[in-house]
Amino acid sequence: MSRTQMYDLPSSRESFTALDSAKYIWKELGLPVEAPEFLSLPGEGLALPSSFKIGDLAQSTVAVSALAAALIYTLKIGSTLPRVTVFRRHAAVEFNSEKLYTIDGKSHHKLWGPIGGLHKTSDGYVRMHDSFPHHRNGALALLGLRATATRADAAEKMLEWKAQELEDTAISSGLVVTMLRSYEQWDAHPQSKAIPDVPISIKCIAAGPKGLRPGLLGESPKCLSGLRVLELSRVIAAPVAGKSLAAHGADVLWITSPDLPDLPALDRDLSRGKRTIQLNLNDANDKLKLLELASTADVFIQSYRPTSLAGRGISAADLAALNPRIIYANLSAYGPSGPWSERRGFDSLVQTCSGMNVSEAQHYGEGEPARPMPCQALDHGAGYLLATGILAALYRQVKLGGSYEVDVSLAGVMKYLRSLGQYPGRSGFECADLESTIDVSEYLETKPCEFGALTAVKHSASVEGCMPGWDVMPKSPGSDKPEWLD
């Protein structure tokens, strides 16, 4: 009997419920078949205004990450699985967490720069990502403009370009601009064909000991207490993975560079649960400290292009040679294969290049060329799936031994979300969006942090007897010592 038959799943993903999605991902990872019996996913109906089934993606991905944490807990203490519950509405709210926090009652929702977004070209449209100053200034320079130019100035210059030419030239210059494509255009593209059907990939990369590291064994207040995680990441997706592991008790050391700009509007939410250190990988002593930490880590999360770290001697193979228990987790835009495997990208750009924005606009029916989803669903989905893949790899390590590499991409999550089908016509938009904290007050908690009273979204998963949550609150980058807690 196949795993799909064993779970009695519909033959088409378009008929999946959120629980079906959770079961499907779980069985594809080869995890214990009885575990989803301990999942409870209350709630139904639309969660966010979109033709895409974001509510199903949110509830199922949060659920499998929490269930995987509960599974590791059973290995730590030798118990049966605790019950895991994820309410649909709460999960959808958490997919908007970076927009729904306040500090001392004031919102800090400013995720985009002044010139980014959708722009018309001579023969179509492109979307520019400009949250980082070097991307914004680079794009303006490419257009022949000064750093003080306005969005209107940029829009006028882009009309002189063809969409494909502008995308190609920007990418070759290390910038982040993508052409707006339809489903038909994307499906014919070579990168589309390189994206796997299952959004999580796990492979054993080296031999290593079986079992949990001794420091992980025994009773603990949370499922993942004692798990050591190094996180080299920016923006949303990979930070969500680290934040998810931290919610279940992992000791997450978030590493940033003192030479790169921070994104405080995002970091205030996504750094919850994490200690923060700064290391300059161009400095020999700092790189040595990173390798020292990695030698005793359980997990290494990174969201840079594969060759970026490999060129510094920090590839998966490098760390597996250093640490036979390492789980090396990659979060990329387009996956490790295909012509775009080295391309920079963000949620909004993957939506644009893959046909999602065009299809969303067509379903909405107001004649727009493109319509983005109401949240960064690919980012959040990828983050929870990366956390799930990490814990699935840890489970394999316990049973089989070895070091593992885990891959999740924004494009892989896009492909999976698209495979769930879309609500017909405009019917998916017949619910309210989440505009402010007033709309979601029952899902918020307030805790003091360095920057004031932080009111933010609580974690949407509950684990019976091991309640997730964040004890460490946001602080200035580099506030902590580069060492493990235990």
Protein backbone atom coordinates (compact mmCIF):
# COMPACT_ATOMS: atom_id res chain seq x y z
CA MET A 1 0.00 0.00 0.00
CA SER A 2 1.38 3.45 -0.92
CA ARG A 3 1.79 6.16 1.69
CA THR A 4 -0.90 8.22 -0.04
CA GLN A 5 -3.35 5.32 0.20
CA MET A 6 -2.31 4.69 3.80
CA TYR A 7 -3.37 8.23 4.67
CA ASP A 8 -6.48 7.96 2.47
CA LEU A 9 -5.70 11.26 0.75
CA PRO A 10 -7.62 12.64 -2.24
CA SER A 11 -5.97 11.83 -5.57
CA SER A 12 -5.72 15.54 -6.47
CA ARG A 13 -4.14 18.20 -4.26
CA GLU A 14 -6.88 20.58 -5.37
CA SER A 15 -9.23 18.60 -3.10
CA PHE A 16 -6.91 18.73 -0.08
CA THR A 17 -8.05 20.14 3.23
CA ALA A 18 -5.44 21.68 5.54
CA LEU A 19 -5.24 18.35 7.36
CA ASP A 20 -4.73 16.54 4.05
CA SER A 21 -1.86 18.91 3.25
CA ALA A 22 -0.26 18.24 6.62
CA LYS A 23 -0.61 14.48 6.12
CA TYR A 24 0.79 14.70 2.59
CA ILE A 25 3.90 16.62 3.63
CA TRP A 26 4.38 14.33 6.61
CA LYS A 27 4.22 11.13 4.56
CA GLU A 28 6.56 12.55 1.90
CA LEU A 29 9.14 13.07 4.65
CA GLY A 30 8.81 9.43 5.68
CA LEU A 31 7.89 10.26 9.28
CA PRO A 32 5.88 7.90 11.55
CA VAL A 33 2.52 7.23 9.93
CA GLU A 34 0.50 7.37 13.14
CA ALA A 35 1.67 10.86 14.14
CA PRO A 36 -0.98 12.92 12.25
CA GLU A 37 -3.63 11.25 14.43
CA PHE A 38 -2.40 13.63 17.14
CA LEU A 39 -3.13 16.73 15.02
CA SER A 40 -6.18 18.91 15.59
CA LEU A 41 -6.82 21.67 13.03
CA PRO A 42 -10.02 23.55 13.97
CA GLY A 43 -11.57 26.20 11.75
CA GLU A 44 -12.80 26.48 8.19
CA GLY A 45 -13.60 28.95 5.44
CA LEU A 46 -11.56 31.75 3.93
CA ALA A 47 -8.72 33.04 6.03
CA LEU A 48 -7.37 35.89 3.90
CA PRO A 49 -8.74 37.61 0.76
CA SER A 50 -7.08 35.73 -2.10
CA SER A 51 -7.87 33.26 -4.83
CA PHE A 52 -5.06 31.12 -3.36
CA LYS A 53 -5.70 28.79 -0.43
CA ILE A 54 -3.46 30.65 1.98
CA GLY A 55 -5.46 29.48 4.99
CA ASP A 56 -4.73 25.86 4.13
CA LEU A 57 -1.03 26.62 3.58
CA ALA A 58 -0.75 28.52 6.86
CA GLN A 59 -2.56 25.99 9.02
CA SER A 60 -0.86 22.94 7.52
CA THR A 61 2.72 24.28 7.55
CA VAL A 62 2.50 25.56 11.12
CA ALA A 63 0.96 22.21 12.07
CA VAL A 64 3.67 19.99 10.56
CA SER A 65 6.44 22.09 12.13
CA ALA A 66 4.82 21.78 15.56
CA LEU A 67 4.11 18.07 15.09
CA ALA A 68 7.73 17.50 14.10
CA ALA A 69 8.84 19.31 17.28
CA ALA A 70 6.51 17.08 19.30
CA LEU A 71 7.98 14.02 17.58
CA ILE A 72 11.49 15.02 18.65
CA TYR A 73 10.18 15.50 22.19
CA THR A 74 9.03 11.87 22.26
CA LEU A 75 12.58 10.82 21.37
CA LYS A 76 13.97 13.00 24.16
CA ILE A 77 11.82 11.53 26.93
CA GLY A 78 10.46 8.27 25.51
CA SER A 79 6.78 9.26 25.71
CA THR A 80 3.82 9.07 23.35
CA LEU A 81 3.11 12.05 21.11
CA PRO A 82 1.38 15.01 22.75
CA ARG A 83 -1.61 16.51 20.97
CA VAL A 84 -0.85 19.41 18.62
CA THR A 85 -3.53 22.02 17.84
CA VAL A 86 -3.44 24.86 15.30
CA PHE A 87 -6.46 27.09 14.80
CA ARG A 88 -6.95 28.20 11.20
CA ARG A 89 -7.58 31.89 11.90
CA HIS A 90 -4.61 32.14 14.25
CA ALA A 91 -2.26 30.56 11.70
CA ALA A 92 -3.39 33.05 9.05
CA VAL A 93 -2.78 35.88 11.49
CA GLU A 94 0.73 34.56 12.16
CA PHE A 95 1.42 34.59 8.41
CA ASN A 96 1.05 38.39 8.81
CA SER A 97 3.07 38.70 12.01
CA GLU A 98 5.62 41.20 10.70
CA LYS A 99 2.76 43.58 9.89
CA LEU A 100 0.80 43.12 13.11
CA TYR A 101 3.08 44.20 15.93
CA THR A 102 3.41 47.47 17.79
CA ILE A 103 6.02 48.93 20.12
CA ASP A 104 4.54 51.17 22.79
CA GLY A 105 1.33 51.15 20.77
CA LYS A 106 2.93 52.38 17.53
CA SER A 107 2.98 50.37 14.30
CA HIS A 108 6.28 49.84 12.50
CA HIS A 109 4.95 48.31 9.30
CA LYS A 110 7.29 49.68 6.66
CA LEU A 111 8.56 46.76 4.64
CA TRP A 112 9.26 48.33 1.24
CA GLY A 113 11.51 51.08 -0.07
CA PRO A 114 10.38 54.22 -1.93
CA ILE A 115 10.86 53.11 -5.55
CA GLY A 116 10.07 49.39 -5.51
CA GLY A 117 6.96 47.56 -6.64
CA LEU A 118 5.40 47.03 -10.06
CA HIS A 119 6.58 49.23 -12.94
CA LYS A 120 5.48 49.40 -16.56
CA THR A 121 8.05 48.83 -19.30
CA SER A 122 7.79 49.37 -23.06
CA ASP A 123 6.29 45.90 -23.56
CA GLY A 124 5.10 44.69 -20.15
CA TYR A 125 5.86 45.03 -16.46
CA VAL A 126 8.61 44.33 -13.95
CA ARG A 127 8.69 44.26 -10.16
CA MET A 128 11.63 45.77 -8.29
CA HIS A 129 12.62 44.87 -4.72
CA ASP A 130 14.26 47.77 -2.91
CA SER A 131 14.12 47.07 0.83
CA PHE A 132 17.92 47.08 1.02
CA PRO A 133 19.62 50.41 0.16
CA HIS A 134 22.28 48.78 -2.04
CA HIS A 135 19.59 47.13 -4.18
CA ARG A 136 17.68 50.40 -4.47
CA ASN A 137 20.74 52.51 -5.30
CA GLY A 138 22.01 49.90 -7.72
CA ALA A 139 18.71 49.88 -9.59
CA LEU A 140 18.68 53.66 -9.82
CA ALA A 141 22.25 53.65 -11.14
CA LEU A 142 21.29 51.05 -13.73
CA LEU A 143 18.52 53.37 -14.88
CA GLY A 144 20.98 56.28 -15.08
CA LEU A 145 19.51 58.02 -12.04
CA ARG A 146 20.97 59.47 -8.87
CA ALA A 147 20.25 58.02 -5.43
CA THR A 148 17.90 60.95 -4.75
CA ALA A 149 15.60 60.07 -7.67
CA THR A 150 11.90 59.51 -7.00
CA ARG A 151 9.64 56.60 -7.88
CA ALA A 152 8.20 58.69 -10.70
CA ASP A 153 11.72 59.22 -12.08
CA ALA A 154 12.35 55.46 -12.02
CA ALA A 155 8.99 54.73 -13.62
CA GLU A 156 9.73 57.09 -16.51
CA LYS A 157 13.12 55.48 -17.16
CA MET A 158 11.72 51.95 -17.10
CA LEU A 159 9.42 52.78 -20.00
CA GLU A 160 12.57 52.89 -22.15
CA TRP A 161 13.28 49.20 -21.43
CA LYS A 162 11.78 45.92 -22.50
CA ALA A 163 10.81 43.80 -19.51
CA GLN A 164 13.05 40.84 -20.33
CA GLU A 165 16.04 43.08 -21.06
CA LEU A 166 15.62 44.93 -17.79
CA GLU A 167 15.34 41.68 -15.82
CA ASP A 168 18.43 40.20 -17.48
CA THR A 169 20.52 43.33 -17.06
CA ALA A 170 19.48 43.83 -13.44
CA ILE A 171 20.20 40.23 -12.49
CA SER A 172 23.62 40.29 -14.13
CA SER A 173 24.34 43.40 -12.03
CA GLY A 174 23.41 41.64 -8.78
CA LEU A 175 20.07 43.44 -8.46
CA VAL A 176 16.56 42.09 -7.82
CA VAL A 177 14.13 42.89 -10.62
CA THR A 178 11.86 40.38 -12.31
CA MET A 179 9.55 40.39 -15.29
CA LEU A 180 5.81 39.90 -14.76
CA ARG A 181 4.83 36.54 -16.29
CA SER A 182 1.64 34.58 -16.79
CA TYR A 183 1.27 30.94 -15.81
CA GLU A 184 1.80 29.99 -19.45
CA GLN A 185 5.05 31.95 -19.67
CA TRP A 186 6.34 30.56 -16.38
CA ASP A 187 5.42 26.95 -17.16
CA ALA A 188 7.48 27.17 -20.37
CA HIS A 189 10.51 28.54 -18.53
CA PRO A 190 13.43 26.15 -17.80
CA GLN A 191 13.47 27.13 -14.11
CA SER A 192 9.85 26.07 -13.73
CA LYS A 193 10.77 22.58 -14.81
CA ALA A 194 13.63 22.40 -12.28
CA ILE A 195 11.44 22.91 -9.21
CA PRO A 196 10.57 19.66 -7.39
CA ASP A 197 6.99 18.60 -6.79
CA VAL A 198 7.52 18.24 -3.03
CA PRO A 199 8.56 21.49 -1.29
CA ILE A 200 11.09 19.92 1.14
CA SER A 201 14.22 18.05 0.09
CA ILE A 202 16.41 16.13 2.56
CA LYS A 203 19.58 14.23 1.73
CA CYS A 204 22.26 12.53 3.80
CA ILE A 205 25.64 14.12 3.01
CA ALA A 206 27.99 12.26 5.38
CA ALA A 207 28.14 9.40 7.82
CA GLY A 208 27.65 10.18 11.49
CA PRO A 209 26.51 8.78 14.84
CA LYS A 210 22.95 7.67 15.55
CA GLY A 211 20.84 9.01 18.39
CA LEU A 212 20.30 12.38 19.97
CA ARG A 213 23.23 14.35 21.27
CA PRO A 214 23.38 13.66 25.05
CA GLY A 215 22.59 17.28 25.87
CA LEU A 216 19.20 16.90 24.17
CA LEU A 217 18.02 13.94 26.22
CA GLY A 218 15.67 14.09 29.19
CA GLU A 219 12.70 16.09 30.42
CA SER A 220 12.46 19.70 29.29
CA PRO A 221 9.90 22.51 29.48
CA LYS A 222 9.61 22.72 25.68
CA CYS A 223 9.93 20.20 22.88
CA LEU A 224 13.27 21.40 21.52
CA SER A 225 15.00 22.66 24.66
CA GLY A 226 18.74 22.21 24.24
CA LEU A 227 18.71 22.16 20.43
CA ARG A 228 21.53 24.40 19.18
CA VAL A 229 20.74 26.41 16.06
CA LEU A 230 22.96 28.83 14.14
CA GLU A 231 20.97 31.11 11.85
CA LEU A 232 22.61 33.20 9.12
CA SER A 233 19.61 34.87 7.54
CA ARG A 234 17.81 38.04 6.53
CA VAL A 235 14.29 39.20 5.61
CA ILE A 236 11.41 36.76 6.42
CA ALA A 237 11.56 33.11 5.29
CA ALA A 238 14.65 31.70 7.02
CA PRO A 239 14.07 33.90 10.10
CA VAL A 240 10.60 32.32 10.39
CA ALA A 241 12.28 28.89 10.49
CA GLY A 242 14.57 29.97 13.31
CA LYS A 243 11.72 31.70 15.12
CA SER A 244 9.60 28.55 14.86
CA LEU A 245 12.36 26.38 16.34
CA ALA A 246 12.88 28.98 19.08
CA ALA A 247 9.17 28.88 19.94
CA HIS A 248 9.64 25.20 20.78
CA GLY A 249 12.64 25.90 22.99
CA ALA A 250 15.69 25.75 20.69
CA ASP A 251 18.69 27.92 21.53
CA VAL A 252 18.88 30.01 18.35
CA LEU A 253 21.92 32.21 17.75
CA TRP A 254 21.04 34.70 15.02
CA ILE A 255 24.18 35.85 13.23
CA THR A 256 24.26 39.10 11.26
CA SER A 257 27.11 41.09 9.77
CA PRO A 258 28.14 44.47 11.17
CA ASP A 259 28.77 45.55 7.55
CA LEU A 260 25.24 44.91 6.26
CA PRO A 261 22.15 47.06 6.90
CA ASP A 262 19.52 45.69 9.24
CA LEU A 263 15.78 45.72 8.63
CA PRO A 264 14.34 46.80 11.98
CA ALA A 265 10.72 46.78 10.76
CA LEU A 266 11.08 43.03 10.15
CA ASP A 267 13.65 42.17 12.79
CA ARG A 268 11.55 43.34 15.74
CA ASP A 269 9.09 40.54 15.04
CA LEU A 270 11.29 37.85 13.53
CA SER A 271 14.06 37.98 16.13
CA ARG A 272 11.76 36.94 18.95
CA GLY A 273 13.13 33.91 20.77
CA LYS A 274 16.68 34.42 19.46
CA ARG A 275 19.94 35.62 20.91
CA THR A 276 21.86 37.87 18.55
CA ILE A 277 25.55 38.05 17.65
CA GLN A 278 27.46 39.82 14.91
CA LEU A 279 30.33 38.25 13.00
CA ASN A 280 32.18 39.58 9.96
CA LEU A 281 32.99 36.58 7.78
CA ASN A 282 35.71 38.60 6.06
CA ASP A 283 37.55 38.72 9.38
CA ALA A 284 39.64 35.62 10.09
CA ASN A 285 38.93 35.63 13.83
CA ASP A 286 35.17 36.04 13.33
CA LYS A 287 35.10 33.23 10.78
CA LEU A 288 37.01 31.02 13.20
CA LYS A 289 34.41 31.79 15.89
CA LEU A 290 31.62 30.83 13.47
CA LEU A 291 33.30 27.51 12.72
CA GLU A 292 33.84 26.91 16.43
CA LEU A 293 30.13 27.40 17.07
CA ALA A 294 29.21 25.23 14.09
CA SER A 295 31.41 22.40 15.37
CA THR A 296 29.06 21.91 18.32
CA ALA A 297 25.78 23.05 16.72
CA ASP A 298 22.90 20.76 15.84
CA VAL A 299 21.51 22.94 13.04
CA PHE A 300 22.94 25.53 10.64
CA ILE A 301 20.36 27.66 8.78
CA GLN A 302 21.43 29.89 5.92
CA SER A 303 19.58 31.93 3.30
CA TYR A 304 22.46 33.17 1.15
CA ARG A 305 23.22 31.94 -2.37
CA PRO A 306 24.94 28.50 -2.25
CA THR A 307 28.26 29.64 -3.72
CA SER A 308 28.41 32.62 -1.37
CA LEU A 309 29.18 30.50 1.70
CA ALA A 310 30.89 27.67 -0.17
CA GLY A 311 33.51 30.14 -1.37
CA ARG A 312 34.26 30.92 2.27
CA GLY A 313 34.64 27.28 3.31
CA ILE A 314 31.22 27.17 4.99
CA SER A 315 29.38 24.80 2.64
CA ALA A 316 27.32 21.83 3.79
CA ALA A 317 30.23 19.50 3.02
CA ASP A 318 32.65 21.75 4.94
CA LEU A 319 30.51 21.74 8.07
CA ALA A 320 29.74 18.02 7.83
CA ALA A 321 33.49 17.36 7.83
CA LEU A 322 33.76 19.55 10.92
CA ASN A 323 30.68 18.23 12.72
CA PRO A 324 29.31 14.74 11.89
CA ARG A 325 25.94 15.61 13.48
CA ILE A 326 25.23 18.83 11.59
CA ILE A 327 21.94 19.52 9.81
CA TYR A 328 22.61 22.17 7.17
CA ALA A 329 19.43 23.92 6.05
CA ASN A 330 19.20 26.13 2.95
CA LEU A 331 16.44 28.61 2.18
CA SER A 332 16.66 29.91 -1.40
CA ALA A 333 14.46 31.76 -3.83
CA TYR A 334 14.41 29.26 -6.71
CA GLY A 335 15.93 26.04 -5.35
CA PRO A 336 19.31 24.34 -5.78
CA SER A 337 18.75 23.25 -9.39
CA GLY A 338 18.05 24.96 -12.70
CA PRO A 339 19.36 28.09 -14.43
CA TRP A 340 18.12 30.37 -11.64
CA SER A 341 19.62 28.41 -8.73
CA GLU A 342 22.09 31.22 -8.00
CA ARG A 343 19.59 34.04 -8.53
CA ARG A 344 18.61 36.37 -5.73
CA GLY A 345 14.91 36.59 -5.05
CA PHE A 346 12.20 37.47 -2.58
CA ASP A 347 8.59 36.42 -2.02
CA SER A 348 7.14 39.31 -4.02
CA LEU A 349 9.43 38.57 -6.98
CA VAL A 350 8.62 34.85 -7.02
CA GLN A 351 4.92 35.74 -7.03
CA THR A 352 5.58 38.05 -9.98
CA CYS A 353 7.75 35.83 -12.17
CA SER A 354 5.65 32.67 -11.67
CA GLY A 355 2.25 33.89 -12.84
CA MET A 356 0.70 34.15 -9.37
CA ASN A 357 0.22 37.93 -9.53
CA VAL A 358 -1.37 37.73 -12.97
CA SER A 359 -3.73 34.93 -11.92
CA GLU A 360 -4.67 36.71 -8.70
CA ALA A 361 -5.56 39.84 -10.70
CA GLN A 362 -7.61 37.79 -13.16
CA HIS A 363 -9.59 36.23 -10.32
CA TYR A 364 -10.16 39.62 -8.70
CA GLY A 365 -11.55 40.89 -11.98
CA GLU A 366 -10.80 44.63 -11.88
CA GLY A 367 -8.49 44.72 -14.89
CA GLU A 368 -5.22 45.10 -12.97
CA PRO A 369 -2.10 43.71 -14.67
CA ALA A 370 -0.98 42.13 -11.40
CA ARG A 371 -2.25 41.68 -7.85
CA PRO A 372 -0.01 40.49 -4.99
CA MET A 373 -1.25 38.11 -2.33
CA PRO A 374 -2.38 39.80 0.91
CA CYS A 375 0.64 38.51 2.85
CA GLN A 376 4.11 37.10 2.27
CA ALA A 377 2.67 33.58 2.17
CA LEU A 378 5.64 32.04 0.34
CA ASP A 379 8.05 33.40 2.94
CA HIS A 380 6.09 32.15 5.91
CA GLY A 381 5.21 28.81 4.34
CA ALA A 382 8.84 28.26 3.42
CA GLY A 383 9.98 29.11 6.94
CA TYR A 384 7.69 26.58 8.61
CA LEU A 385 8.52 23.94 6.01
CA LEU A 386 12.24 24.52 6.53
CA ALA A 387 11.77 24.04 10.27
CA THR A 388 9.81 20.86 9.52
CA GLY A 389 12.54 19.57 7.20
CA ILE A 390 15.20 20.27 9.82
CA LEU A 391 13.33 18.25 12.43
CA ALA A 392 12.60 15.45 9.94
CA ALA A 393 16.35 15.31 9.26
CA LEU A 394 17.01 15.20 13.00
CA TYR A 395 14.59 12.28 13.27
CA ARG A 396 16.46 10.46 10.50
CA GLN A 397 19.72 11.21 12.23
CA VAL A 398 18.45 9.60 15.43
CA LYS A 399 17.33 6.49 13.59
CA LEU A 400 20.01 6.18 10.89
CA GLY A 401 22.87 8.47 11.84
CA GLY A 402 24.54 10.93 9.49
CA SER A 403 24.73 14.60 8.59
CA TYR A 404 21.94 16.03 6.44
CA GLU A 405 21.26 18.86 4.03
CA VAL A 406 17.74 20.30 3.82
CA ASP A 407 16.50 22.50 0.97
CA VAL A 408 13.34 24.60 0.78
CA SER A 409 12.72 27.36 -1.75
CA LEU A 410 10.16 30.10 -2.20
CA ALA A 411 9.50 28.76 -5.70
CA GLY A 412 8.89 25.28 -4.29
CA VAL A 413 6.29 26.67 -1.89
CA MET A 414 4.77 28.64 -4.77
CA LYS A 415 4.44 25.43 -6.80
CA TYR A 416 2.86 23.61 -3.88
CA LEU A 417 0.38 26.43 -3.12
CA ARG A 418 -0.58 26.64 -6.78
CA SER A 419 -1.13 22.86 -6.85
CA LEU A 420 -3.80 23.23 -4.14
CA GLY A 421 -5.96 25.02 -6.70
CA GLN A 422 -7.65 28.42 -6.49
CA TYR A 423 -11.09 29.53 -5.41
CA PRO A 424 -13.34 30.15 -8.42
CA GLY A 425 -13.81 33.67 -9.73
CA ARG A 426 -13.79 36.33 -7.05
CA SER A 427 -15.13 34.06 -4.31
CA GLY A 428 -11.79 33.84 -2.51
CA PHE A 429 -11.80 37.57 -1.82
CA GLU A 430 -15.06 37.56 0.14
CA CYS A 431 -13.48 38.01 3.56
CA ALA A 432 -11.80 40.85 5.41
CA ASP A 433 -8.06 41.47 5.27
CA LEU A 434 -5.97 41.84 8.42
CA GLU A 435 -5.25 45.54 8.54
CA SER A 436 -4.33 46.28 12.16
CA THR A 437 -3.80 44.81 15.61
CA ILE A 438 -7.39 45.75 16.49
CA ASP A 439 -8.58 43.01 14.11
CA VAL A 440 -6.58 40.30 15.87
CA SER A 441 -6.30 41.35 19.52
CA GLU A 442 -7.14 37.85 20.85
CA TYR A 443 -3.99 36.47 19.20
CA LEU A 444 -1.58 39.05 20.64
CA GLU A 445 0.66 39.17 23.69
CA THR A 446 2.64 42.05 25.19
CA LYS A 447 6.13 41.68 26.63
CA PRO A 448 8.84 44.22 27.49
CA CYS A 449 11.85 44.46 25.20
CA GLU A 450 14.79 46.79 24.70
CA PHE A 451 12.72 49.01 22.40
CA GLY A 452 9.60 49.28 24.56
CA ALA A 453 6.44 47.27 25.16
CA LEU A 454 6.22 44.83 22.24
CA THR A 455 2.73 43.65 21.35
CA ALA A 456 2.95 40.86 18.77
CA VAL A 457 1.29 37.69 17.50
CA LYS A 458 1.55 34.64 19.74
CA HIS A 459 2.63 31.36 18.15
CA SER A 460 -0.40 29.68 16.62
CA ALA A 461 0.52 26.09 17.54
CA SER A 462 -0.11 24.55 20.92
CA VAL A 463 1.52 21.33 22.12
CA GLU A 464 -0.10 19.58 25.05
CA GLY A 465 2.23 19.77 28.04
CA CYS A 466 4.94 21.73 26.14
CA MET A 467 3.40 25.08 25.29
CA PRO A 468 5.43 26.96 22.65
CA GLY A 469 6.30 30.62 23.00
CA TRP A 470 9.19 33.08 23.06
CA ASP A 471 11.06 34.04 26.22
CA VAL A 472 13.83 36.10 24.56
CA MET A 473 12.62 39.42 23.20
CA PRO A 474 14.14 41.57 20.42
CA LYS A 475 17.35 43.45 21.16
CA SER A 476 20.01 45.35 19.25
CA PRO A 477 22.08 43.22 16.85
CA GLY A 478 25.19 41.82 18.50
CA SER A 479 23.86 42.08 22.06
CA ASP A 480 24.83 38.53 23.08
CA LYS A 481 28.01 36.51 23.47
CA PRO A 482 28.96 34.04 20.73
CA GLU A 483 28.47 30.95 22.89
CA TRP A 484 25.84 28.29 23.60
CA LEU A 485 23.68 28.45 26.68
CA ASP A 486 24.64 24.96 27.84
